[in-house]
N, C-alpha and C. Protein backbone atom coordinates (compact mmCIF):
# COMPACT_ATOMS: atom_id res chain seq x y z
N MET A 1 -9.48 1.83 -17.80
CA MET A 1 -9.12 1.04 -16.64
C MET A 1 -10.34 0.20 -16.25
N THR A 2 -10.10 -1.06 -16.06
CA THR A 2 -11.20 -1.94 -15.69
C THR A 2 -11.51 -1.82 -14.20
N LEU A 3 -12.66 -2.30 -13.83
CA LEU A 3 -13.06 -2.29 -12.42
C LEU A 3 -12.10 -3.12 -11.58
N TYR A 4 -11.66 -4.23 -12.13
CA TYR A 4 -10.71 -5.11 -11.44
C TYR A 4 -9.42 -4.36 -11.11
N THR A 5 -8.88 -3.64 -12.07
CA THR A 5 -7.65 -2.88 -11.87
C THR A 5 -7.86 -1.77 -10.84
N ALA A 6 -9.00 -1.10 -10.92
CA ALA A 6 -9.28 -0.02 -9.97
C ALA A 6 -9.37 -0.55 -8.54
N ILE A 7 -10.00 -1.69 -8.35
CA ILE A 7 -10.11 -2.27 -7.02
C ILE A 7 -8.74 -2.64 -6.48
N ILE A 8 -7.91 -3.25 -7.31
CA ILE A 8 -6.56 -3.63 -6.89
C ILE A 8 -5.76 -2.40 -6.49
N LEU A 9 -5.77 -1.37 -7.33
CA LEU A 9 -4.96 -0.18 -7.05
C LEU A 9 -5.46 0.60 -5.84
N LEU A 10 -6.77 0.71 -5.69
CA LEU A 10 -7.30 1.43 -4.53
C LEU A 10 -7.03 0.68 -3.23
N THR A 11 -7.11 -0.63 -3.26
CA THR A 11 -6.80 -1.42 -2.08
C THR A 11 -5.31 -1.32 -1.75
N ALA A 12 -4.46 -1.34 -2.77
CA ALA A 12 -3.03 -1.18 -2.54
C ALA A 12 -2.72 0.20 -1.99
N LEU A 13 -3.42 1.22 -2.46
CA LEU A 13 -3.24 2.56 -1.93
C LEU A 13 -3.63 2.62 -0.45
N ASP A 14 -4.74 2.00 -0.11
CA ASP A 14 -5.16 1.95 1.29
C ASP A 14 -4.12 1.26 2.17
N ILE A 15 -3.60 0.16 1.70
CA ILE A 15 -2.59 -0.57 2.46
C ILE A 15 -1.34 0.29 2.63
N GLY A 16 -0.93 0.96 1.56
CA GLY A 16 0.25 1.83 1.65
C GLY A 16 0.06 2.98 2.62
N LEU A 17 -1.14 3.58 2.62
CA LEU A 17 -1.42 4.67 3.55
C LEU A 17 -1.42 4.18 5.00
N ILE A 18 -1.97 3.02 5.22
CA ILE A 18 -2.00 2.47 6.58
C ILE A 18 -0.59 2.13 7.05
N VAL A 19 0.19 1.48 6.21
CA VAL A 19 1.56 1.12 6.58
C VAL A 19 2.39 2.38 6.83
N GLY A 20 2.30 3.35 5.95
CA GLY A 20 3.05 4.59 6.12
C GLY A 20 2.64 5.35 7.36
N GLY A 21 1.33 5.42 7.62
CA GLY A 21 0.84 6.12 8.81
C GLY A 21 1.28 5.46 10.10
N LEU A 22 1.18 4.14 10.14
CA LEU A 22 1.60 3.44 11.34
C LEU A 22 3.11 3.52 11.55
N THR A 23 3.85 3.52 10.46
CA THR A 23 5.31 3.65 10.57
C THR A 23 5.67 5.02 11.12
N TYR A 24 4.99 6.05 10.63
CA TYR A 24 5.25 7.40 11.12
C TYR A 24 4.86 7.53 12.60
N LEU A 25 3.73 6.96 12.97
CA LEU A 25 3.31 7.01 14.37
C LEU A 25 4.24 6.21 15.27
N GLY A 26 4.96 5.28 14.68
CA GLY A 26 5.92 4.49 15.45
C GLY A 26 7.18 5.26 15.80
N GLY A 27 7.33 6.46 15.26
CA GLY A 27 8.45 7.30 15.66
C GLY A 27 9.57 7.42 14.64
N THR A 28 9.36 6.96 13.43
CA THR A 28 10.40 7.11 12.42
C THR A 28 10.25 8.44 11.71
N SER A 29 11.23 8.77 10.89
CA SER A 29 11.18 10.03 10.15
C SER A 29 10.12 9.95 9.05
N PRO A 30 9.62 11.09 8.59
CA PRO A 30 8.61 11.07 7.52
C PRO A 30 9.12 10.40 6.24
N ALA A 31 10.39 10.58 5.93
CA ALA A 31 10.93 9.95 4.72
C ALA A 31 10.90 8.43 4.83
N ASP A 32 11.22 7.91 6.00
CA ASP A 32 11.16 6.46 6.19
C ASP A 32 9.72 5.95 6.13
N ALA A 33 8.79 6.74 6.65
CA ALA A 33 7.38 6.35 6.62
C ALA A 33 6.85 6.32 5.18
N VAL A 34 7.25 7.30 4.38
CA VAL A 34 6.84 7.31 2.97
C VAL A 34 7.41 6.11 2.24
N LEU A 35 8.67 5.81 2.49
CA LEU A 35 9.30 4.65 1.86
C LEU A 35 8.60 3.36 2.26
N ALA A 36 8.26 3.24 3.53
CA ALA A 36 7.56 2.03 3.99
C ALA A 36 6.18 1.94 3.34
N GLY A 37 5.49 3.06 3.21
CA GLY A 37 4.18 3.05 2.56
C GLY A 37 4.26 2.66 1.10
N LEU A 38 5.27 3.19 0.40
CA LEU A 38 5.44 2.83 -1.01
C LEU A 38 5.77 1.35 -1.17
N LEU A 39 6.61 0.84 -0.30
CA LEU A 39 6.94 -0.58 -0.37
C LEU A 39 5.74 -1.45 -0.02
N GLY A 40 4.95 -1.00 0.95
CA GLY A 40 3.75 -1.76 1.30
C GLY A 40 2.74 -1.79 0.17
N ALA A 41 2.55 -0.65 -0.48
CA ALA A 41 1.60 -0.58 -1.59
C ALA A 41 2.10 -1.40 -2.78
N GLY A 42 3.35 -1.24 -3.11
CA GLY A 42 3.89 -1.98 -4.26
C GLY A 42 3.95 -3.47 -4.02
N GLY A 43 4.27 -3.85 -2.81
CA GLY A 43 4.34 -5.28 -2.49
C GLY A 43 2.99 -5.95 -2.40
N SER A 44 1.96 -5.17 -2.16
CA SER A 44 0.64 -5.77 -2.00
C SER A 44 -0.07 -6.02 -3.34
N VAL A 45 0.37 -5.38 -4.40
CA VAL A 45 -0.31 -5.54 -5.69
C VAL A 45 -0.29 -6.99 -6.19
N PRO A 46 0.86 -7.68 -6.22
CA PRO A 46 0.81 -9.08 -6.69
C PRO A 46 -0.01 -9.98 -5.79
N VAL A 47 0.03 -9.73 -4.49
CA VAL A 47 -0.75 -10.55 -3.55
C VAL A 47 -2.24 -10.31 -3.78
N LEU A 48 -2.62 -9.06 -3.95
CA LEU A 48 -4.03 -8.77 -4.18
C LEU A 48 -4.51 -9.35 -5.51
N ARG A 49 -3.65 -9.30 -6.52
CA ARG A 49 -4.04 -9.89 -7.82
C ARG A 49 -4.29 -11.37 -7.68
N SER A 50 -3.47 -12.06 -6.89
CA SER A 50 -3.68 -13.50 -6.74
C SER A 50 -4.88 -13.83 -5.85
N LEU A 51 -5.17 -12.96 -4.87
CA LEU A 51 -6.31 -13.20 -3.99
C LEU A 51 -7.64 -12.87 -4.66
N ILE A 52 -7.68 -11.75 -5.37
CA ILE A 52 -8.93 -11.30 -5.96
C ILE A 52 -9.17 -11.96 -7.32
N GLY A 53 -8.11 -12.12 -8.08
CA GLY A 53 -8.26 -12.65 -9.43
C GLY A 53 -8.29 -14.10 -9.45
């Protein structure tokens, strides 16, 4: 794994954790918070690739 890939994936993981945590704190169920976090992490990968690369 290259450094570029590691940075993208770790940043996407951070974004997913933040989105999921804030969604859970907003009062939704844990399953909805996990889904929101996964969608946030997955959706951020192409954006991060275009911004960083």
